[in-house]
Amino acid sequence: MSTDAVLRELLVRQLDHWLPGAMHRSRRATLALAYAGDPGTAETALRVVAEFADRLRGRRLTVLVLAGGGPELTARLGAVEATLPADVAVHVVPGDPSRLPVTLKAAGAAGAPLLTLVDGVLPDPAVLAAAAGGRPAELLVTCPAPATLRPALTAAGFPLVTEVELVPADGSPARLLAFGTGLDKSLEAFKDALWEADEFAGVRYRDPADPAGGLLEIALHPEPGPLRRELLAELDRSGPRTVTELRRHTLTATVYRAADTVRTLDTLLQAGVLRRDPEHGRLGGDVTISPGPAPDARSTA
């Protein structure tokens, strides 16, 4: 399925970002991979860990793989595990994601960096609470779409959340991907990874926050239609906002990157849909954006 390739790529990119930071912050960290179905990305994740062997010296990384598959999975992962440094401990635990709380507790994962993947199922509050026990904690969740995980992840203790639907062009069922963290840099890295993914994978994105449900091609410069609608809706709700505040809204409440904000605001200002104060100069962070046309646009209407 085309979504599998995109999800695998995003997991690799997130591990590339997470591992160096986790090893810098603490002498121990945990990577937990919990699967409701095929644990197809587990082997890929271990191969990424192997690439960081030099940085793992003197640190302790525990990798938990919670899945079905029995001896066959253990044997398959064992070939990759043999290439890992002694500082990495891999534990294959039979079961499904509902066993994550007891598995993380047994591994002593709380209080140190923790990255959790819950793949293929809508996790219950106990699973989310366990995944939030890291310091810091980050969580990737995939489940069937349509769904929303933002309220549940926020309630569990992930203050920064983004979610996107992966919609295959071949008509296969869409999947929801959600990411929760407490670190701005991690959220920014995840957003960058979203738009740097394989544009030829046969997958488009849908932002659950977009009431129009528009489909977006994966691109370094994504089509701004949904972001235009979301920024206009935010200004209608809140009134005038600075560019800095709107960049923050884009990062934390939409599927877009903060950097996409100024480009989108420019098009809305040129169309006379918004006005700015001051009226001229660079569109810097302290410029205030208000709904409605500029005064000269109203006078000539």
C-alpha atoms as a PDB file:
ATOM      1  CA  MET A   1       0.000   0.000   0.000  1.00  0.00           C
ATOM      2  CA  SER A   2       1.331   3.456  -0.890  1.00  0.00           C
ATOM      3  CA  THR A   3       0.700   4.855   2.597  1.00  0.00           C
ATOM      4  CA  ASP A   4       3.119   2.275   4.029  1.00  0.00           C
ATOM      5  CA  ALA A   5       6.005   3.817   2.099  1.00  0.00           C
ATOM      6  CA  VAL A   6       5.177   7.321   3.326  1.00  0.00           C
ATOM      7  CA  LEU A   7       4.774   6.181   6.934  1.00  0.00           C
ATOM      8  CA  ARG A   8       8.079   4.310   6.796  1.00  0.00           C
ATOM      9  CA  GLU A   9       9.847   7.377   5.424  1.00  0.00           C
ATOM     10  CA  LEU A  10       8.349   9.645   8.090  1.00  0.00           C
ATOM     11  CA  LEU A  11       9.389   7.258  10.870  1.00  0.00           C
ATOM     12  CA  VAL A  12      12.950   7.202   9.526  1.00  0.00           C
ATOM     13  CA  ARG A  13      13.084  10.994   9.355  1.00  0.00           C
ATOM     14  CA  GLN A  14      11.683  11.342  12.879  1.00  0.00           C
ATOM     15  CA  LEU A  15      14.222   8.879  14.264  1.00  0.00           C
ATOM     16  CA  ASP A  16      16.993  10.805  12.503  1.00  0.00           C
ATOM     17  CA  HIS A  17      15.836  13.890  14.401  1.00  0.00           C
ATOM     18  CA  TRP A  18      14.978  12.256  17.733  1.00  0.00           C
ATOM     19  CA  LEU A  19      17.944   9.971  18.393  1.00  0.00           C
ATOM     20  CA  PRO A  20      20.721  12.594  18.533  1.00  0.00           C
ATOM     21  CA  GLY A  21      18.656  14.851  20.800  1.00  0.00           C
ATOM     22  CA  ALA A  22      17.639  12.017  23.112  1.00  0.00           C
ATOM     23  CA  MET A  23      21.221  10.826  23.509  1.00  0.00           C
ATOM     24  CA  HIS A  24      22.400  14.387  24.178  1.00  0.00           C
ATOM     25  CA  ARG A  25      19.790  14.973  26.896  1.00  0.00           C
ATOM     26  CA  SER A  26      20.125  11.734  28.817  1.00  0.00           C
ATOM     27  CA  ARG A  27      22.273   8.661  29.314  1.00  0.00           C
ATOM     28  CA  ARG A  28      19.222   6.488  28.677  1.00  0.00           C
ATOM     29  CA  ALA A  29      16.235   6.592  26.328  1.00  0.00           C
ATOM     30  CA  THR A  30      13.479   4.315  25.067  1.00  0.00           C
ATOM     31  CA  LEU A  31      12.046   3.704  21.612  1.00  0.00           C
ATOM     32  CA  ALA A  32       8.715   1.860  21.811  1.00  0.00           C
ATOM     33  CA  LEU A  33       7.135   0.407  18.658  1.00  0.00           C
ATOM     34  CA  ALA A  34       3.623  -0.987  19.211  1.00  0.00           C
ATOM     35  CA  TYR A  35       1.704  -2.602  16.347  1.00  0.00           C
ATOM     36  CA  ALA A  36      -1.905  -3.682  15.984  1.00  0.00           C
ATOM     37  CA  GLY A  37      -1.086  -5.411  12.702  1.00  0.00           C
ATOM     38  CA  ASP A  38       2.004  -6.039  10.599  1.00  0.00           C
ATOM     39  CA  PRO A  39       5.129  -4.716  12.374  1.00  0.00           C
ATOM     40  CA  GLY A  40       6.612  -3.848   9.014  1.00  0.00           C
ATOM     41  CA  THR A  41       8.489  -0.719  10.122  1.00  0.00           C
ATOM     42  CA  ALA A  42      10.254  -2.332  13.110  1.00  0.00           C
ATOM     43  CA  GLU A  43      13.145  -3.653  11.041  1.00  0.00           C
ATOM     44  CA  THR A  44      13.535  -0.259   9.357  1.00  0.00           C
ATOM     45  CA  ALA A  45      13.634   1.470  12.752  1.00  0.00           C
ATOM     46  CA  LEU A  46      16.394  -0.841  13.988  1.00  0.00           C
ATOM     47  CA  ARG A  47      18.446  -0.140  10.882  1.00  0.00           C
ATOM     48  CA  VAL A  48      18.194   3.592  11.606  1.00  0.00           C
ATOM     49  CA  VAL A  49      19.358   2.962  15.184  1.00  0.00           C
ATOM     50  CA  ALA A  50      22.362   1.054  13.819  1.00  0.00           C
ATOM     51  CA  GLU A  51      23.412   4.127  11.847  1.00  0.00           C
ATOM     52  CA  PHE A  52      23.844   6.037  15.137  1.00  0.00           C
ATOM     53  CA  ALA A  53      26.158   3.460  16.735  1.00  0.00           C
ATOM     54  CA  ASP A  54      28.946   6.004  17.362  1.00  0.00           C
ATOM     55  CA  ARG A  55      26.624   8.383  19.223  1.00  0.00           C
ATOM     56  CA  LEU A  56      25.244   5.598  21.396  1.00  0.00           C
ATOM     57  CA  ARG A  57      28.536   4.824  23.119  1.00  0.00           C
ATOM     58  CA  GLY A  58      28.174   5.370  26.851  1.00  0.00           C
ATOM     59  CA  ARG A  59      24.391   5.685  26.507  1.00  0.00           C
ATOM     60  CA  ARG A  60      21.644   3.108  26.978  1.00  0.00           C
ATOM     61  CA  LEU A  61      18.889   2.811  24.378  1.00  0.00           C
ATOM     62  CA  THR A  62      16.064   0.345  24.970  1.00  0.00           C
ATOM     63  CA  VAL A  63      14.002  -0.640  21.937  1.00  0.00           C
ATOM     64  CA  LEU A  64      10.647  -2.279  22.669  1.00  0.00           C
ATOM     65  CA  VAL A  65       8.796  -4.008  19.833  1.00  0.00           C
ATOM     66  CA  LEU A  66       5.254  -4.897  20.881  1.00  0.00           C
ATOM     67  CA  ALA A  67       3.537  -6.992  18.217  1.00  0.00           C
ATOM     68  CA  GLY A  68       2.226 -10.343  17.096  1.00  0.00           C
ATOM     69  CA  GLY A  69       4.305 -12.570  14.855  1.00  0.00           C
ATOM     70  CA  GLY A  70       5.974 -14.824  17.423  1.00  0.00           C
ATOM     71  CA  PRO A  71       9.329 -16.496  16.696  1.00  0.00           C
ATOM     72  CA  GLU A  72       9.288 -15.418  13.058  1.00  0.00           C
ATOM     73  CA  LEU A  73       9.380 -11.725  14.019  1.00  0.00           C
ATOM     74  CA  THR A  74      12.081 -12.346  16.625  1.00  0.00           C
ATOM     75  CA  ALA A  75      14.229 -14.126  14.048  1.00  0.00           C
ATOM     76  CA  ARG A  76      13.732 -11.393  11.462  1.00  0.00           C
ATOM     77  CA  LEU A  77      14.671  -8.631  13.874  1.00  0.00           C
ATOM     78  CA  GLY A  78      17.519 -10.691  15.287  1.00  0.00           C
ATOM     79  CA  ALA A  79      19.496 -10.328  12.081  1.00  0.00           C
ATOM     80  CA  VAL A  80      19.410  -6.541  12.438  1.00  0.00           C
ATOM     81  CA  GLU A  81      19.910  -6.654  16.202  1.00  0.00           C
ATOM     82  CA  ALA A  82      23.205  -8.448  15.659  1.00  0.00           C
ATOM     83  CA  THR A  83      24.546  -5.292  13.970  1.00  0.00           C
ATOM     84  CA  LEU A  84      23.659  -3.030  16.915  1.00  0.00           C
ATOM     85  CA  PRO A  85      26.143  -1.928  19.572  1.00  0.00           C
ATOM     86  CA  ALA A  86      25.975  -3.462  23.036  1.00  0.00           C
ATOM     87  CA  ASP A  87      24.481  -0.202  24.351  1.00  0.00           C
ATOM     88  CA  VAL A  88      21.195  -1.037  22.568  1.00  0.00           C
ATOM     89  CA  ALA A  89      18.835  -3.566  24.151  1.00  0.00           C
ATOM     90  CA  VAL A  90      16.026  -4.892  21.946  1.00  0.00           C
ATOM     91  CA  HIS A  91      13.010  -6.606  23.526  1.00  0.00           C
ATOM     92  CA  VAL A  92      10.312  -8.214  21.384  1.00  0.00           C
ATOM     93  CA  VAL A  93       7.115  -8.456  23.429  1.00  0.00           C
ATOM     94  CA  PRO A  94       4.102 -10.433  22.159  1.00  0.00           C
ATOM     95  CA  GLY A  95       0.811  -8.581  22.217  1.00  0.00           C
ATOM     96  CA  ASP A  96      -0.871  -5.450  20.881  1.00  0.00           C
ATOM     97  CA  PRO A  97      -0.683  -1.733  21.758  1.00  0.00           C
ATOM     98  CA  SER A  98      -3.058  -2.160  24.727  1.00  0.00           C
ATOM     99  CA  ARG A  99      -0.109  -3.754  26.572  1.00  0.00           C
ATOM    100  CA  LEU A 100       2.042  -0.680  26.140  1.00  0.00           C
ATOM    101  CA  PRO A 101       1.499   0.744  29.676  1.00  0.00           C
ATOM    102  CA  VAL A 102       2.767  -2.386  31.447  1.00  0.00           C
ATOM    103  CA  THR A 103       5.583  -2.842  28.917  1.00  0.00           C
ATOM    104  CA  LEU A 104       6.870   0.713  29.374  1.00  0.00           C
ATOM    105  CA  LYS A 105       6.638   0.402  33.145  1.00  0.00           C
ATOM    106  CA  ALA A 106       8.630  -2.840  33.125  1.00  0.00           C
ATOM    107  CA  ALA A 107      11.291  -1.192  30.953  1.00  0.00           C
ATOM    108  CA  GLY A 108      11.605   1.797  33.301  1.00  0.00           C
ATOM    109  CA  ALA A 109      10.931   4.204  30.434  1.00  0.00           C
ATOM    110  CA  ALA A 110       9.419   7.025  32.508  1.00  0.00           C
ATOM    111  CA  GLY A 111      11.474  10.109  33.242  1.00  0.00           C
ATOM    112  CA  ALA A 112      13.834   9.830  30.251  1.00  0.00           C
ATOM    113  CA  PRO A 113      13.455  10.524  26.502  1.00  0.00           C
ATOM    114  CA  LEU A 114      10.735   8.332  25.016  1.00  0.00           C
ATOM    115  CA  LEU A 115       9.554   8.059  21.424  1.00  0.00           C
ATOM    116  CA  THR A 116       6.523   5.834  20.922  1.00  0.00           C
ATOM    117  CA  LEU A 117       4.912   4.566  17.734  1.00  0.00           C
ATOM    118  CA  VAL A 118       1.373   3.173  17.965  1.00  0.00           C
ATOM    119  CA  ASP A 119       0.554   1.741  14.560  1.00  0.00           C
ATOM    120  CA  GLY A 120      -2.819   0.664  13.203  1.00  0.00           C
ATOM    121  CA  VAL A 121      -5.236   1.414  16.022  1.00  0.00           C
ATOM    122  CA  LEU A 122      -6.915   4.306  17.836  1.00  0.00           C
ATOM    123  CA  PRO A 123      -5.135   4.193  21.232  1.00  0.00           C
ATOM    124  CA  ASP A 124      -7.104   4.375  24.477  1.00  0.00           C
ATOM    125  CA  PRO A 125      -6.341   6.960  27.211  1.00  0.00           C
ATOM    126  CA  ALA A 126      -4.198   4.525  29.229  1.00  0.00           C
ATOM    127  CA  VAL A 127      -1.912   3.941  26.236  1.00  0.00           C
ATOM    128  CA  LEU A 128      -1.609   7.678  25.569  1.00  0.00           C
ATOM    129  CA  ALA A 129      -0.886   8.408  29.237  1.00  0.00           C
ATOM    130  CA  ALA A 130       1.884   5.795  29.265  1.00  0.00           C
ATOM    131  CA  ALA A 131       3.411   7.242  26.091  1.00  0.00           C
ATOM    132  CA  ALA A 132       3.378  10.699  27.704  1.00  0.00           C
ATOM    133  CA  GLY A 133       5.543   9.476  30.613  1.00  0.00           C
ATOM    134  CA  GLY A 134       8.852  10.254  28.937  1.00  0.00           C
ATOM    135  CA  ARG A 135      10.906  13.363  29.671  1.00  0.00           C
ATOM    136  CA  PRO A 136      10.536  14.501  26.979  1.00  0.00           C
ATOM    137  CA  ALA A 137       7.884  12.322  25.335  1.00  0.00           C
ATOM    138  CA  GLU A 138       6.995  12.104  21.659  1.00  0.00           C
ATOM    139  CA  LEU A 139       4.308   9.994  20.016  1.00  0.00           C
ATOM    140  CA  LEU A 140       3.461   8.900  16.489  1.00  0.00           C
ATOM    141  CA  VAL A 141       0.051   7.294  15.924  1.00  0.00           C
ATOM    142  CA  THR A 142      -1.464   5.798  12.787  1.00  0.00           C
ATOM    143  CA  CYS A 143      -5.063   4.601  12.609  1.00  0.00           C
ATOM    144  CA  PRO A 144      -7.889   4.291  10.091  1.00  0.00           C
ATOM    145  CA  ALA A 145      -9.385   7.578   8.880  1.00  0.00           C
ATOM    146  CA  PRO A 146     -11.557   9.529   9.330  1.00  0.00           C
ATOM    147  CA  ALA A 147     -10.744  10.175  12.964  1.00  0.00           C
ATOM    148  CA  THR A 148      -9.216  12.860  15.126  1.00  0.00           C
ATOM    149  CA  LEU A 149      -6.613  12.406  17.826  1.00  0.00           C
ATOM    150  CA  ARG A 150      -5.773  16.014  18.675  1.00  0.00           C
ATOM    151  CA  PRO A 151      -8.080  16.326  21.729  1.00  0.00           C
ATOM    152  CA  ALA A 152      -6.983  12.956  23.142  1.00  0.00           C
ATOM    153  CA  LEU A 153      -3.265  13.644  22.681  1.00  0.00           C
ATOM    154  CA  THR A 154      -3.600  17.106  24.217  1.00  0.00           C
ATOM    155  CA  ALA A 155      -5.478  15.698  27.218  1.00  0.00           C
ATOM    156  CA  ALA A 156      -2.810  12.993  27.656  1.00  0.00           C
ATOM    157  CA  GLY A 157      -0.047  15.577  28.047  1.00  0.00           C
ATOM    158  CA  PHE A 158       1.187  16.384  24.537  1.00  0.00           C
ATOM    159  CA  PRO A 159       0.820  20.177  24.244  1.00  0.00           C
ATOM    160  CA  LEU A 160       1.881  20.288  20.580  1.00  0.00           C
ATOM    161  CA  VAL A 161      -0.092  18.088  18.188  1.00  0.00           C
ATOM    162  CA  THR A 162      -0.498  17.843  14.454  1.00  0.00           C
ATOM    163  CA  GLU A 163      -2.470  15.352  12.395  1.00  0.00           C
ATOM    164  CA  VAL A 164      -2.938  14.641   8.716  1.00  0.00           C
ATOM    165  CA  GLU A 165      -4.871  12.130   6.646  1.00  0.00           C
ATOM    166  CA  LEU A 166      -2.878  10.113   4.116  1.00  0.00           C
ATOM    167  CA  VAL A 167      -5.144   9.574   1.106  1.00  0.00           C
ATOM    168  CA  PRO A 168      -3.932   7.045  -1.517  1.00  0.00           C
ATOM    169  CA  ALA A 169      -4.553   7.967  -5.131  1.00  0.00           C
ATOM    170  CA  ASP A 170      -5.522   4.360  -5.921  1.00  0.00           C
ATOM    171  CA  GLY A 171      -8.662   4.531  -3.768  1.00  0.00           C
ATOM    172  CA  SER A 172      -7.267   2.481  -0.863  1.00  0.00           C
ATOM    173  CA  PRO A 173      -8.557   3.449   2.596  1.00  0.00           C
ATOM    174  CA  ALA A 174      -7.116   6.649   4.025  1.00  0.00           C
ATOM    175  CA  ARG A 175      -5.083   6.597   7.227  1.00  0.00           C
ATOM    176  CA  LEU A 176      -4.701   9.224   9.913  1.00  0.00           C
ATOM    177  CA  LEU A 177      -1.220  10.110  11.132  1.00  0.00           C
ATOM    178  CA  ALA A 178      -0.879  12.120  14.338  1.00  0.00           C
ATOM    179  CA  PHE A 179       2.223  13.403  16.105  1.00  0.00           C
ATOM    180  CA  GLY A 180       2.414  14.722  19.649  1.00  0.00           C
ATOM    181  CA  THR A 181       5.342  16.394  21.403  1.00  0.00           C
ATOM    182  CA  GLY A 182       6.225  19.121  23.874  1.00  0.00           C
ATOM    183  CA  LEU A 183       9.130  20.490  21.842  1.00  0.00           C
ATOM    184  CA  ASP A 184       8.751  23.158  19.159  1.00  0.00           C
ATOM    185  CA  LYS A 185      11.825  21.918  17.296  1.00  0.00           C
ATOM    186  CA  SER A 186      10.403  18.401  17.100  1.00  0.00           C
ATOM    187  CA  LEU A 187       7.097  19.655  15.720  1.00  0.00           C
ATOM    188  CA  GLU A 188       8.946  21.779  13.168  1.00  0.00           C
ATOM    189  CA  ALA A 189      11.101  18.801  12.152  1.00  0.00           C
ATOM    190  CA  PHE A 190       8.022  16.610  11.722  1.00  0.00           C
ATOM    191  CA  LYS A 191       6.320  19.242   9.556  1.00  0.00           C
ATOM    192  CA  ASP A 192       9.448  19.509   7.411  1.00  0.00           C
ATOM    193  CA  ALA A 193       9.478  15.720   7.038  1.00  0.00           C
ATOM    194  CA  LEU A 194       5.828  15.705   5.927  1.00  0.00           C
ATOM    195  CA  TRP A 195       6.481  17.998   3.004  1.00  0.00           C
ATOM    196  CA  GLU A 196       9.833  16.445   2.105  1.00  0.00           C
ATOM    197  CA  ALA A 197       8.354  12.943   1.775  1.00  0.00           C
ATOM    198  CA  ASP A 198       8.262  11.089  -1.539  1.00  0.00           C
ATOM    199  CA  GLU A 199       5.997  13.066  -3.851  1.00  0.00           C
ATOM    200  CA  PHE A 200       5.721  10.056  -6.170  1.00  0.00           C
ATOM    201  CA  ALA A 201       4.389   7.665  -3.515  1.00  0.00           C
ATOM    202  CA  GLY A 202       0.831   8.002  -4.797  1.00  0.00           C
ATOM    203  CA  VAL A 203      -0.402   9.670  -1.616  1.00  0.00           C
ATOM    204  CA  ARG A 204      -2.007  13.045  -1.011  1.00  0.00           C
ATOM    205  CA  TYR A 205      -2.644  14.819   2.277  1.00  0.00           C
ATOM    206  CA  ARG A 206      -5.883  16.068   3.773  1.00  0.00           C
ATOM    207  CA  ASP A 207      -5.798  18.483   6.703  1.00  0.00           C
ATOM    208  CA  PRO A 208      -8.514  17.476   9.210  1.00  0.00           C
ATOM    209  CA  ALA A 209      -8.695  21.154  10.236  1.00  0.00           C
ATOM    210  CA  ASP A 210      -9.780  22.185   6.728  1.00  0.00           C
ATOM    211  CA  PRO A 211     -13.602  22.268   6.573  1.00  0.00           C
ATOM    212  CA  ALA A 212     -13.476  21.982   2.786  1.00  0.00           C
ATOM    213  CA  GLY A 213     -11.506  18.731   2.993  1.00  0.00           C
ATOM    214  CA  GLY A 214      -9.208  19.669   0.138  1.00  0.00           C
ATOM    215  CA  LEU A 215      -6.548  17.201  -1.041  1.00  0.00           C
ATOM    216  CA  LEU A 216      -2.930  18.351  -1.154  1.00  0.00           C
ATOM    217  CA  GLU A 217      -0.095  17.026  -3.261  1.00  0.00           C
ATOM    218  CA  ILE A 218       3.132  16.382  -1.352  1.00  0.00           C
ATOM    219  CA  ALA A 219       5.445  19.250  -2.349  1.00  0.00           C
ATOM    220  CA  LEU A 220       8.130  21.491  -0.879  1.00  0.00           C
ATOM    221  CA  HIS A 221       5.805  24.420  -1.596  1.00  0.00           C
ATOM    222  CA  PRO A 222       2.314  23.006  -0.940  1.00  0.00           C
ATOM    223  CA  GLU A 223      -0.821  24.464  -2.485  1.00  0.00           C
ATOM    224  CA  PRO A 224      -1.945  27.169  -0.029  1.00  0.00           C
ATOM    225  CA  GLY A 225      -5.745  26.942  -0.450  1.00  0.00           C
ATOM    226  CA  PRO A 226      -6.533  25.166   2.849  1.00  0.00           C
ATOM    227  CA  LEU A 227      -4.092  27.410   4.759  1.00  0.00           C
ATOM    228  CA  ARG A 228      -5.763  30.511   3.324  1.00  0.00           C
ATOM    229  CA  ARG A 229      -9.116  29.288   4.607  1.00  0.00           C
ATOM    230  CA  GLU A 230      -7.703  28.395   8.027  1.00  0.00           C
ATOM    231  CA  LEU A 231      -5.918  31.741   8.484  1.00  0.00           C
ATOM    232  CA  LEU A 232      -9.060  33.655   7.489  1.00  0.00           C
ATOM    233  CA  ALA A 233     -11.111  31.582   9.931  1.00  0.00           C
ATOM    234  CA  GLU A 234      -8.589  32.253  12.710  1.00  0.00           C
ATOM    235  CA  LEU A 235      -8.711  36.011  12.074  1.00  0.00           C
ATOM    236  CA  ASP A 236     -12.520  35.913  12.061  1.00  0.00           C
ATOM    237  CA  ARG A 237     -12.445  34.145  15.444  1.00  0.00           C
ATOM    238  CA  SER A 238      -9.740  36.161  17.156  1.00  0.00           C
ATOM    239  CA  GLY A 239      -9.557  39.513  15.395  1.00  0.00           C
ATOM    240  CA  PRO A 240      -6.238  41.157  14.486  1.00  0.00           C
ATOM    241  CA  ARG A 241      -3.121  39.036  15.021  1.00  0.00           C
ATOM    242  CA  THR A 242       0.570  39.638  14.466  1.00  0.00           C
ATOM    243  CA  VAL A 243       2.430  37.666  11.842  1.00  0.00           C
ATOM    244  CA  THR A 244       4.283  35.902  14.674  1.00  0.00           C
ATOM    245  CA  GLU A 245       0.976  34.802  16.197  1.00  0.00           C
ATOM    246  CA  LEU A 246      -0.305  33.592  12.830  1.00  0.00           C
ATOM    247  CA  ARG A 247       2.924  31.663  12.201  1.00  0.00           C
ATOM    248  CA  ARG A 248       2.396  29.995  15.570  1.00  0.00           C
ATOM    249  CA  HIS A 249      -1.195  29.145  14.660  1.00  0.00           C
ATOM    250  CA  THR A 250      -0.058  27.602  11.386  1.00  0.00           C
ATOM    251  CA  LEU A 251       2.540  25.462  13.139  1.00  0.00           C
ATOM    252  CA  THR A 252       0.325  24.235  15.971  1.00  0.00           C
ATOM    253  CA  ALA A 253      -3.151  24.061  14.431  1.00  0.00           C
ATOM    254  CA  THR A 254      -2.681  23.095  10.776  1.00  0.00           C
ATOM    255  CA  VAL A 255      -0.744  20.594   8.704  1.00  0.00           C
ATOM    256  CA  TYR A 256       1.391  23.391   7.258  1.00  0.00           C
ATOM    257  CA  ARG A 257       4.788  24.709   8.396  1.00  0.00           C
ATOM    258  CA  ALA A 258       5.207  28.092  10.062  1.00  0.00           C
ATOM    259  CA  ALA A 259       7.286  29.170   7.062  1.00  0.00           C
ATOM    260  CA  ASP A 260       4.239  28.753   4.783  1.00  0.00           C
ATOM    261  CA  THR A 261       2.403  31.543   6.620  1.00  0.00           C
ATOM    262  CA  VAL A 262       4.049  34.630   5.095  1.00  0.00           C
ATOM    263  CA  ARG A 263       3.722  33.320   1.536  1.00  0.00           C
ATOM    264  CA  THR A 264       0.018  32.714   2.104  1.00  0.00           C
ATOM    265  CA  LEU A 265      -0.564  36.059   3.824  1.00  0.00           C
ATOM    266  CA  ASP A 266       1.101  37.813   0.881  1.00  0.00           C
ATOM    267  CA  THR A 267      -1.458  36.375  -1.535  1.00  0.00           C
ATOM    268  CA  LEU A 268      -4.357  37.380   0.726  1.00  0.00           C
ATOM    269  CA  LEU A 269      -3.015  40.924   1.147  1.00  0.00           C
ATOM    270  CA  GLN A 270      -2.507  41.292  -2.605  1.00  0.00           C
ATOM    271  CA  ALA A 271      -6.084  40.113  -3.145  1.00  0.00           C
ATOM    272  CA  GLY A 272      -7.329  42.821  -0.764  1.00  0.00           C
ATOM    273  CA  VAL A 273      -8.908  40.266   1.587  1.00  0.00           C
ATOM    274  CA  LEU A 274      -6.721  41.335   4.531  1.00  0.00           C
ATOM    275  CA  ARG A 275      -5.058  44.550   5.673  1.00  0.00           C
ATOM    276  CA  ARG A 276      -1.804  45.110   7.521  1.00  0.00           C
ATOM    277  CA  ASP A 277      -0.387  47.638   9.959  1.00  0.00           C
ATOM    278  CA  PRO A 278       1.992  49.185   9.075  1.00  0.00           C
ATOM    279  CA  GLU A 279       0.800  49.203   5.470  1.00  0.00           C
ATOM    280  CA  HIS A 280       4.258  49.062   3.897  1.00  0.00           C
ATOM    281  CA  GLY A 281       7.571  47.377   4.469  1.00  0.00           C
ATOM    282  CA  ARG A 282       8.706  43.841   5.122  1.00  0.00           C
ATOM    283  CA  LEU A 283       6.051  41.430   6.399  1.00  0.00           C
ATOM    284  CA  GLY A 284       7.898  40.887   9.674  1.00  0.00           C
ATOM    285  CA  GLY A 285       6.709  39.194  12.823  1.00  0.00           C
ATOM    286  CA  ASP A 286       5.458  42.382  14.508  1.00  0.00           C
ATOM    287  CA  VAL A 287       3.191  43.400  11.590  1.00  0.00           C
ATOM    288  CA  THR A 288      -0.473  43.195  12.580  1.00  0.00           C
ATOM    289  CA  ILE A 289      -2.872  41.464  10.190  1.00  0.00           C
ATOM    290  CA  SER A 290      -6.596  42.252  10.295  1.00  0.00           C
ATOM    291  CA  PRO A 291      -9.569  40.865   8.389  1.00  0.00           C
ATOM    292  CA  GLY A 292     -11.077  43.082   5.727  1.00  0.00           C
ATOM    293  CA  PRO A 293      -9.672  45.155   2.841  1.00  0.00           C
ATOM    294  CA  ALA A 294      -7.178  47.991   3.244  1.00  0.00           C
ATOM    295  CA  PRO A 295      -8.680  51.520   3.534  1.00  0.00           C
ATOM    296  CA  ASP A 296      -7.726  52.511  -0.034  1.00  0.00           C
ATOM    297  CA  ALA A 297      -9.364  49.308  -1.351  1.00  0.00           C
ATOM    298  CA  ARG A 298     -12.621  50.202   0.434  1.00  0.00           C
ATOM    299  CA  SER A 299     -12.627  53.762  -0.893  1.00  0.00           C
ATOM    300  CA  THR A 300     -12.335  52.585  -4.500  1.00  0.00           C
ATOM    301  CA  ALA A 301     -14.851  49.751  -4.159  1.00  0.00           C
END
